[in-house]
């Protein structure tokens, strides 16, 4: 009997939670020493992951009763140009090396995407351990992380603001309220439920501190999540709904001048920090962060807000998808004057061509149609290119999660 015939794909339940975590720890090389550094023990990890497995769609391959390959999909929601989309957050991906190269993960990903489609999760996000691998499966880069380093003497000078900053517990409701206000008006952002907050704070909530900026109406307009160690102010994330909140939070950070030698932090927009500082000679490093893929093009476009125009617009194209047959073939996109899109299959022959990876990064605004055309990722006429440039909003996604 061949090795494959002893393998069975099925859902992973709470009774396999310990195996789920053992597989993750092995694949991502998390040692007991690593866990001790953050004050976690095996039982605490299992307890923390229990609500995840209760809410997530977790699929695995089993060799008899042993879990040997797995993938988890979190039910999440994201904002895309002021519309709320159901999103499948892919995580927990791993296979024991002795079972590698048997196509197990390929089949798990296909089944996971099928399940997403059934649940109307028309888009999926993931943090890639290998960008080339996930590109081959239809995902594409849609966001960046900029890491910056500012010396104490480069910190911005105090600016007059009408609100004030208050330090609060990192798990307090006001932190969640500030984030909700921010996420609802921010393209690409995750709308965090309890599961998402649990994942966001899972590894460092004991070390993190939070400071919230309140406007003059006592509304939370932003926060900075941070820790101070070895005279360094580390920023996990800073969000704000307006410039005054940004200034207020930087006032708070700069007030630590006598306690620190530098500030090291992350930002998740396409806006480098240097331009905003009087002394702009700071160190900034940009790296690709999250990837995404459209799960169901027809349903995704049905929700998608194109920019209005005085005329109706149309584009017929052929699309390639390495996994999903329902995204392969020739389609016609029609956009009404008020920006509502509809995609239908067509038999018309066309030389216009795009793949699901390019379609995803284009519609999410990470790369513009003109750029994708120049690098050969989009084939169309100059008239169609102009139409796409006009029809798609110009804003790159913000995404600061890690799951």
Protein backbone atom coordinates (compact mmCIF):
# COMPACT_ATOMS: atom_id res chain seq x y z
CA UNK A 1 0.00 0.00 0.00
CA UNK A 2 1.37 3.44 -0.93
CA UNK A 3 2.12 6.02 1.71
CA UNK A 4 -0.57 8.41 0.42
CA UNK A 5 -3.39 5.90 0.92
CA UNK A 6 -2.87 6.03 4.68
CA UNK A 7 -3.55 9.79 4.69
CA UNK A 8 -6.94 11.38 5.20
CA UNK A 9 -8.02 15.03 5.01
CA UNK A 10 -10.52 16.18 7.62
CA UNK A 11 -11.37 19.04 9.96
CA UNK A 12 -9.10 19.65 12.95
CA UNK A 13 -11.04 19.90 16.21
CA UNK A 14 -10.30 20.93 19.78
CA UNK A 15 -9.31 17.35 20.59
CA UNK A 16 -6.32 17.82 18.24
CA UNK A 17 -5.33 21.22 19.69
CA UNK A 18 -2.12 19.92 21.25
CA UNK A 19 -1.09 18.31 17.94
CA UNK A 20 -1.96 21.56 16.10
CA UNK A 21 0.42 23.53 18.32
CA UNK A 22 3.16 20.89 18.19
CA UNK A 23 3.11 21.04 14.39
CA UNK A 24 3.28 24.85 14.43
CA UNK A 25 6.16 24.84 16.89
CA UNK A 26 8.10 22.33 14.79
CA UNK A 27 7.55 24.01 11.43
CA UNK A 28 8.33 27.51 12.70
CA UNK A 29 11.13 26.29 14.99
CA UNK A 30 9.70 27.72 18.19
CA UNK A 31 11.72 26.31 21.08
CA UNK A 32 11.07 26.14 24.82
CA UNK A 33 13.75 28.82 25.18
CA UNK A 34 11.82 31.11 22.83
CA UNK A 35 8.65 30.59 24.85
CA UNK A 36 10.42 31.28 28.13
CA UNK A 37 11.63 34.63 26.74
CA UNK A 38 8.02 35.79 26.41
CA UNK A 39 6.89 34.04 29.57
CA UNK A 40 4.72 31.42 27.87
CA UNK A 41 4.50 27.75 28.61
CA UNK A 42 2.96 25.01 26.48
CA UNK A 43 -0.29 24.88 28.42
CA UNK A 44 -0.73 28.65 28.13
CA UNK A 45 -0.28 28.49 24.35
CA UNK A 46 -2.86 25.72 24.10
CA UNK A 47 -5.29 27.70 26.24
CA UNK A 48 -4.74 30.86 24.18
CA UNK A 49 -5.25 28.99 20.91
CA UNK A 50 -8.46 27.26 22.02
CA UNK A 51 -10.79 30.11 21.03
CA UNK A 52 -8.98 30.28 17.69
CA UNK A 53 -9.75 26.66 16.86
CA UNK A 54 -13.33 27.08 18.02
CA UNK A 55 -13.93 29.93 15.56
CA UNK A 56 -11.57 29.06 12.72
CA UNK A 57 -11.95 26.62 9.84
CA UNK A 58 -8.98 24.31 10.39
CA UNK A 59 -8.21 21.56 7.89
CA UNK A 60 -5.57 18.90 8.22
CA UNK A 61 -4.10 15.74 6.79
CA UNK A 62 -3.88 12.87 9.23
CA UNK A 63 -1.69 9.78 9.03
CA UNK A 64 -3.91 7.44 11.02
CA UNK A 65 -4.48 9.59 14.12
CA UNK A 66 -1.44 11.84 13.75
CA UNK A 67 -1.91 15.38 12.39
CA UNK A 68 0.85 15.87 9.80
CA UNK A 69 -0.26 18.88 7.70
CA UNK A 70 -2.62 21.74 8.42
CA UNK A 71 -4.03 25.13 7.47
CA UNK A 72 -6.36 27.45 9.42
CA UNK A 73 -8.71 30.13 8.12
CA UNK A 74 -9.90 32.84 10.50
CA UNK A 75 -13.27 34.45 9.76
CA UNK A 76 -12.39 38.15 9.49
CA UNK A 77 -13.64 41.41 7.99
CA UNK A 78 -11.64 44.10 6.21
CA UNK A 79 -12.40 47.56 4.87
CA UNK A 80 -11.78 48.03 1.14
CA UNK A 81 -12.44 51.57 -0.05
CA UNK A 82 -15.11 52.11 2.64
CA UNK A 83 -16.83 48.77 2.01
CA UNK A 84 -16.74 45.90 4.50
CA UNK A 85 -15.68 42.55 3.06
CA UNK A 86 -15.75 39.11 4.66
CA UNK A 87 -12.15 37.90 4.54
CA UNK A 88 -10.50 34.52 5.11
CA UNK A 89 -7.33 35.03 7.15
CA UNK A 90 -5.00 32.17 6.25
CA UNK A 91 -2.57 31.03 8.97
CA UNK A 92 -1.20 27.99 10.78
CA UNK A 93 0.17 26.59 7.51
CA UNK A 94 2.60 23.71 7.96
CA UNK A 95 3.59 20.16 7.05
CA UNK A 96 6.08 17.86 8.75
CA UNK A 97 9.12 17.57 6.43
CA UNK A 98 8.85 13.78 6.05
CA UNK A 99 5.47 14.36 4.37
CA UNK A 100 6.64 17.19 2.09
CA UNK A 101 6.46 17.12 -1.73
CA UNK A 102 3.33 14.98 -1.84
CA UNK A 103 0.98 17.82 -2.84
CA UNK A 104 -0.72 17.83 0.57
CA UNK A 105 -0.60 21.58 1.10
CA UNK A 106 -1.78 22.27 -2.45
CA UNK A 107 -4.91 20.23 -1.77
CA UNK A 108 -5.44 21.83 1.64
CA UNK A 109 -5.22 25.33 0.17
CA UNK A 110 -7.66 24.44 -2.59
CA UNK A 111 -10.17 23.05 -0.09
CA UNK A 112 -9.69 26.08 2.18
CA UNK A 113 -10.41 28.43 -0.74
CA UNK A 114 -13.47 26.38 -1.71
CA UNK A 115 -14.75 26.76 1.85
CA UNK A 116 -14.05 30.51 1.78
CA UNK A 117 -16.10 30.83 -1.39
CA UNK A 118 -19.01 28.98 0.20
CA UNK A 119 -18.86 31.33 3.20
CA UNK A 120 -18.80 34.41 0.90
CA UNK A 121 -15.27 35.31 2.02
CA UNK A 122 -14.41 36.78 -1.37
CA UNK A 123 -10.87 37.78 -0.40
CA UNK A 124 -8.10 36.17 1.62
CA UNK A 125 -5.10 37.66 3.47
CA UNK A 126 -1.97 35.97 4.79
CA UNK A 127 1.49 36.73 6.19
CA UNK A 128 3.87 34.84 3.88
CA UNK A 129 6.72 32.66 5.06
CA UNK A 130 7.64 32.43 1.36
CA UNK A 131 6.46 35.08 -1.11
CA UNK A 132 7.32 32.94 -4.20
CA UNK A 133 5.37 29.97 -2.82
CA UNK A 134 2.18 31.94 -2.21
CA UNK A 135 2.50 33.80 -5.49
CA UNK A 136 2.41 30.43 -7.24
CA UNK A 137 -0.86 29.76 -5.39
CA UNK A 138 -2.49 33.04 -6.45
CA UNK A 139 -1.64 35.46 -3.65
CA UNK A 140 0.14 38.77 -4.21
CA UNK A 141 1.76 41.50 -2.09
CA UNK A 142 -0.72 44.21 -1.07
CA UNK A 143 0.95 46.03 1.83
CA UNK A 144 4.32 47.14 3.20
CA UNK A 145 5.87 47.63 6.59
CA UNK A 146 8.27 50.55 7.11
CA UNK A 147 10.64 50.20 10.05
CA UNK A 148 12.18 53.46 11.25
CA UNK A 149 14.85 54.52 13.72
CA UNK A 150 14.98 58.05 15.17
CA UNK A 151 17.70 59.36 17.49
CA UNK A 152 16.57 61.28 20.57
CA UNK A 153 17.85 64.59 19.18
CA UNK A 154 15.77 64.08 16.01
CA UNK A 155 12.43 63.76 17.81
CA UNK A 156 9.82 66.30 16.67
CA UNK A 157 9.35 69.43 18.74
CA UNK A 158 6.20 69.82 20.80
CA UNK A 159 3.15 71.06 18.87
CA UNK A 160 0.10 72.71 20.35
CA UNK A 161 -2.95 70.44 20.25
CA UNK A 162 -6.46 70.80 21.65
CA UNK A 163 -6.65 67.26 23.10
CA UNK A 164 -4.58 65.26 25.52
CA UNK A 165 -2.88 61.88 25.90
CA UNK A 166 -3.61 59.37 28.63
CA UNK A 167 -1.81 56.11 29.37
CA UNK A 168 -4.23 53.18 29.62
CA UNK A 169 -4.14 49.40 29.87
CA UNK A 170 -3.29 47.89 26.48
CA UNK A 171 -6.37 45.63 26.63
CA UNK A 172 -8.77 48.40 27.67
CA UNK A 173 -11.98 49.11 25.78
CA UNK A 174 -10.82 52.61 24.86
CA UNK A 175 -7.89 51.15 22.87
CA UNK A 176 -10.36 48.98 20.96
CA UNK A 177 -12.67 51.96 20.43
CA UNK A 178 -9.84 54.10 19.06
CA UNK A 179 -8.87 51.33 16.65
CA UNK A 180 -12.47 50.84 15.50
CA UNK A 181 -12.80 54.57 14.71
CA UNK A 182 -9.55 54.38 12.75
CA UNK A 183 -10.30 51.11 10.91
CA UNK A 184 -13.72 52.18 9.69
CA UNK A 185 -12.18 55.03 7.70
CA UNK A 186 -8.93 53.31 6.64
CA UNK A 187 -8.57 51.35 3.39
CA UNK A 188 -7.33 47.79 3.89
CA UNK A 189 -7.66 47.76 7.68
CA UNK A 190 -8.96 44.78 9.61
CA UNK A 191 -12.10 45.20 11.69
CA UNK A 192 -10.88 43.43 14.82
CA UNK A 193 -13.22 41.14 16.75
CA UNK A 194 -12.18 39.31 19.93
CA UNK A 195 -10.37 36.64 17.93
CA UNK A 196 -8.35 39.25 16.01
CA UNK A 197 -7.46 41.19 19.17
CA UNK A 198 -6.36 37.94 20.80
CA UNK A 199 -4.01 37.20 17.91
CA UNK A 200 -2.76 40.81 17.75
CA UNK A 201 -1.77 40.90 21.42
CA UNK A 202 -1.01 37.21 21.94
CA UNK A 203 2.76 37.36 22.32
CA UNK A 204 3.49 40.76 23.80
CA UNK A 205 0.51 42.09 25.78
CA UNK A 206 2.44 41.65 29.06
CA UNK A 207 5.22 43.97 27.86
CA UNK A 208 3.14 46.49 25.92
CA UNK A 209 1.90 49.84 27.15
CA UNK A 210 -0.71 52.04 25.48
CA UNK A 211 -1.26 55.78 25.28
CA UNK A 212 -4.51 57.13 23.80
CA UNK A 213 -5.04 60.58 22.32
CA UNK A 214 -8.42 62.12 23.20
CA UNK A 215 -9.75 65.06 21.21
CA UNK A 216 -11.45 68.06 22.84
CA UNK A 217 -14.76 66.13 22.72
CA UNK A 218 -13.17 63.32 24.76
CA UNK A 219 -13.23 60.93 21.78
CA UNK A 220 -10.26 58.56 21.24
CA UNK A 221 -8.66 59.69 17.98
CA UNK A 222 -5.62 57.42 18.08
CA UNK A 223 -3.13 55.46 20.13
CA UNK A 224 0.48 54.36 20.33
CA UNK A 225 1.30 50.84 21.54
CA UNK A 226 4.86 50.70 22.86
CA UNK A 227 7.42 49.37 25.29
CA UNK A 228 10.61 50.91 26.70
CA UNK A 229 13.68 48.73 27.07
CA UNK A 230 17.41 49.53 27.32
CA UNK A 231 16.70 53.26 26.77
CA UNK A 232 14.88 52.53 23.50
CA UNK A 233 11.25 53.45 22.88
CA UNK A 234 9.84 50.63 20.72
CA UNK A 235 6.61 51.41 18.83
CA UNK A 236 4.53 48.35 17.92
CA UNK A 237 1.96 50.49 16.13
CA UNK A 238 0.61 54.02 16.08
CA UNK A 239 -2.78 54.93 14.61
CA UNK A 240 -4.58 58.26 14.31
CA UNK A 241 -7.64 59.58 12.52
CA UNK A 242 -6.25 63.08 11.89
CA UNK A 243 -3.05 65.13 12.01
CA UNK A 244 -3.79 66.59 15.43
CA UNK A 245 -3.92 63.09 16.93
CA UNK A 246 -0.62 62.26 15.24
CA UNK A 247 0.98 65.41 16.68
CA UNK A 248 -0.43 64.68 20.13
CA UNK A 249 0.99 61.17 20.14
CA UNK A 250 4.41 62.37 18.97
CA UNK A 251 4.33 65.00 21.73
CA UNK A 252 3.89 62.11 24.16
CA UNK A 253 6.77 60.13 22.63
CA UNK A 254 9.07 63.17 22.60
CA UNK A 255 8.30 63.77 26.28
CA UNK A 256 10.40 60.65 26.97
CA UNK A 257 13.48 62.51 25.67
CA UNK A 258 15.40 62.27 28.96
CA UNK A 259 14.65 58.53 29.32
CA UNK A 260 15.62 57.22 25.88
CA UNK A 261 18.37 57.39 23.27
CA UNK A 262 16.27 56.46 20.25
CA UNK A 263 12.84 55.46 18.96
CA UNK A 264 12.43 52.31 16.85
CA UNK A 265 9.07 51.57 15.34
CA UNK A 266 6.92 50.36 12.48
CA UNK A 267 4.42 52.04 10.24
CA UNK A 268 2.15 50.26 7.81
CA UNK A 269 1.34 52.91 5.22
CA UNK A 270 3.18 53.98 2.09
CA UNK A 271 4.10 57.27 3.79
CA UNK A 272 7.73 57.47 4.95
CA UNK A 273 8.11 59.30 8.25
CA UNK A 274 11.25 61.24 7.30
CA UNK A 275 9.44 63.98 5.36
CA UNK A 276 7.45 64.95 8.45
CA UNK A 277 10.51 65.50 10.64
CA UNK A 278 12.61 68.65 10.81
CA UNK A 279 15.72 66.46 10.86
CA UNK A 280 14.77 64.03 8.10
CA UNK A 281 18.09 62.16 8.13
CA UNK A 282 16.67 59.03 9.76
CA UNK A 283 16.96 55.36 8.94
CA UNK A 284 13.91 53.78 7.29
CA UNK A 285 13.61 50.26 5.89
CA UNK A 286 10.70 49.17 3.72
CA UNK A 287 9.73 45.52 3.29
CA UNK A 288 6.73 43.70 1.81
CA UNK A 289 4.31 42.66 4.53
CA UNK A 290 0.95 41.01 3.84
CA UNK A 291 -0.32 39.19 0.76
CA UNK A 292 -3.86 38.79 -0.50
CA UNK A 293 -5.82 37.02 -3.20
CA UNK A 294 -9.32 37.43 -4.57
CA UNK A 295 -11.19 34.20 -3.87
CA UNK A 296 -14.19 34.81 -6.13
CA UNK A 297 -13.81 37.57 -8.73
CA UNK A 298 -17.51 37.79 -9.63
CA UNK A 299 -18.65 38.21 -6.03
CA UNK A 300 -15.72 40.47 -5.12
CA UNK A 301 -16.53 42.90 -7.95
CA UNK A 302 -20.22 42.91 -7.01
CA UNK A 303 -19.23 44.68 -3.77
CA UNK A 304 -16.33 46.73 -5.13
CA UNK A 305 -16.73 50.53 -5.41
CA UNK A 306 -15.27 51.91 -8.63
CA UNK A 307 -15.05 55.67 -9.06
CA UNK A 308 -18.13 57.22 -10.70
CA UNK A 309 -17.93 58.66 -14.22
CA UNK A 310 -20.17 60.33 -16.76
CA UNK A 311 -20.19 57.22 -18.97
CA UNK A 312 -20.56 53.46 -18.52
CA UNK A 313 -17.32 51.52 -18.94
CA UNK A 314 -16.54 48.01 -20.16
CA UNK A 315 -13.51 45.70 -20.30
CA UNK A 316 -13.25 42.18 -21.73
CA UNK A 317 -10.21 40.19 -20.61
CA UNK A 318 -8.86 36.71 -20.02
CA UNK A 319 -7.79 35.89 -16.47
CA UNK A 320 -5.47 33.16 -15.19
CA UNK A 321 -5.71 31.59 -11.73
CA UNK A 322 -3.27 28.82 -10.74
CA UNK A 323 -5.77 27.11 -8.41
CA UNK A 324 -9.37 28.12 -8.95
CA UNK A 325 -11.29 27.22 -12.11
CA UNK A 326 -14.08 29.70 -11.39
CA UNK A 327 -11.56 32.55 -11.77
CA UNK A 328 -10.14 31.24 -15.05
CA UNK A 329 -11.33 32.16 -18.53
CA UNK A 330 -12.67 35.20 -20.34
CA UNK A 331 -14.82 37.78 -18.57
CA UNK A 332 -16.46 41.12 -19.23
CA UNK A 333 -16.38 43.79 -16.56
CA UNK A 334 -19.10 46.44 -16.81
CA UNK A 335 -19.03 49.54 -14.62
CA UNK A 336 -22.08 51.77 -14.31
CA UNK A 337 -21.92 55.55 -14.14
CA UNK A 338 -22.24 55.43 -10.36
CA UNK A 339 -19.31 53.00 -10.00
CA UNK A 340 -21.08 49.67 -9.54
CA UNK A 341 -19.24 46.78 -11.20
CA UNK A 342 -20.45 43.48 -12.62
CA UNK A 343 -18.38 40.61 -14.04
CA UNK A 344 -19.84 37.98 -16.37
CA UNK A 345 -18.30 35.15 -18.36
CA UNK A 346 -18.01 35.70 -22.10
CA UNK A 347 -17.14 33.76 -25.24
CA UNK A 348 -15.67 36.84 -26.92
CA UNK A 349 -12.04 36.45 -27.97
CA UNK A 350 -9.69 39.04 -26.51
CA UNK A 351 -5.96 39.70 -26.33
CA UNK A 352 -6.33 41.53 -23.01
CA UNK A 353 -4.86 39.42 -20.22
CA UNK A 354 -4.32 39.53 -16.45
CA UNK A 355 -3.79 36.99 -13.67
CA UNK A 356 -5.49 36.79 -10.28
CA UNK A 357 -2.37 38.03 -8.49
CA UNK A 358 -2.20 41.20 -10.60
CA UNK A 359 -5.96 41.76 -10.40
CA UNK A 360 -5.79 41.56 -6.61
CA UNK A 361 -2.93 44.01 -6.10
CA UNK A 362 -4.44 46.38 -8.69
CA UNK A 363 -7.95 46.46 -7.24
CA UNK A 364 -6.60 46.85 -3.70
CA UNK A 365 -4.58 49.85 -4.83
CA UNK A 366 -1.11 48.57 -3.92
CA UNK A 367 0.11 48.94 -7.52
CA UNK A 368 -1.44 51.14 -10.18
CA UNK A 369 -2.64 49.80 -13.57
CA UNK A 370 -0.09 51.98 -15.40
CA UNK A 371 2.82 50.44 -13.45
CA UNK A 372 1.50 46.88 -13.89
CA UNK A 373 1.15 47.51 -17.62
CA UNK A 374 4.74 48.81 -17.87
CA UNK A 375 6.21 45.73 -16.19
CA UNK A 376 4.19 43.33 -18.35
CA UNK A 377 1.75 42.12 -15.71
CA UNK A 378 -1.27 43.62 -17.51
CA UNK A 379 -1.99 43.36 -21.24
CA UNK A 380 -4.57 45.78 -22.61
CA UNK A 381 -5.04 48.77 -24.91
CA UNK A 382 -4.02 52.28 -23.93
CA UNK A 383 -7.72 53.23 -23.82
CA UNK A 384 -8.46 50.42 -21.36
CA UNK A 385 -5.42 51.39 -19.30
CA UNK A 386 -6.68 54.98 -19.04
CA UNK A 387 -10.12 53.67 -18.04
CA UNK A 388 -8.66 51.48 -15.27
CA UNK A 389 -6.53 54.34 -13.97
CA UNK A 390 -9.63 56.52 -13.75
CA UNK A 391 -11.88 53.81 -12.31
CA UNK A 392 -9.74 52.53 -9.42
CA UNK A 393 -9.29 54.58 -6.25
CA UNK A 394 -5.74 55.70 -5.51
CA UNK A 395 -4.90 54.54 -2.00
CA UNK A 396 -2.63 51.79 -0.71
CA UNK A 397 -3.84 49.37 1.98
CA UNK A 398 -2.97 49.71 5.67
CA UNK A 399 -2.58 46.39 7.48
CA UNK A 400 -0.77 46.07 10.81
CA UNK A 401 -1.91 42.60 11.88
CA UNK A 402 0.07 39.44 12.39
CA UNK A 403 -1.78 36.12 12.53
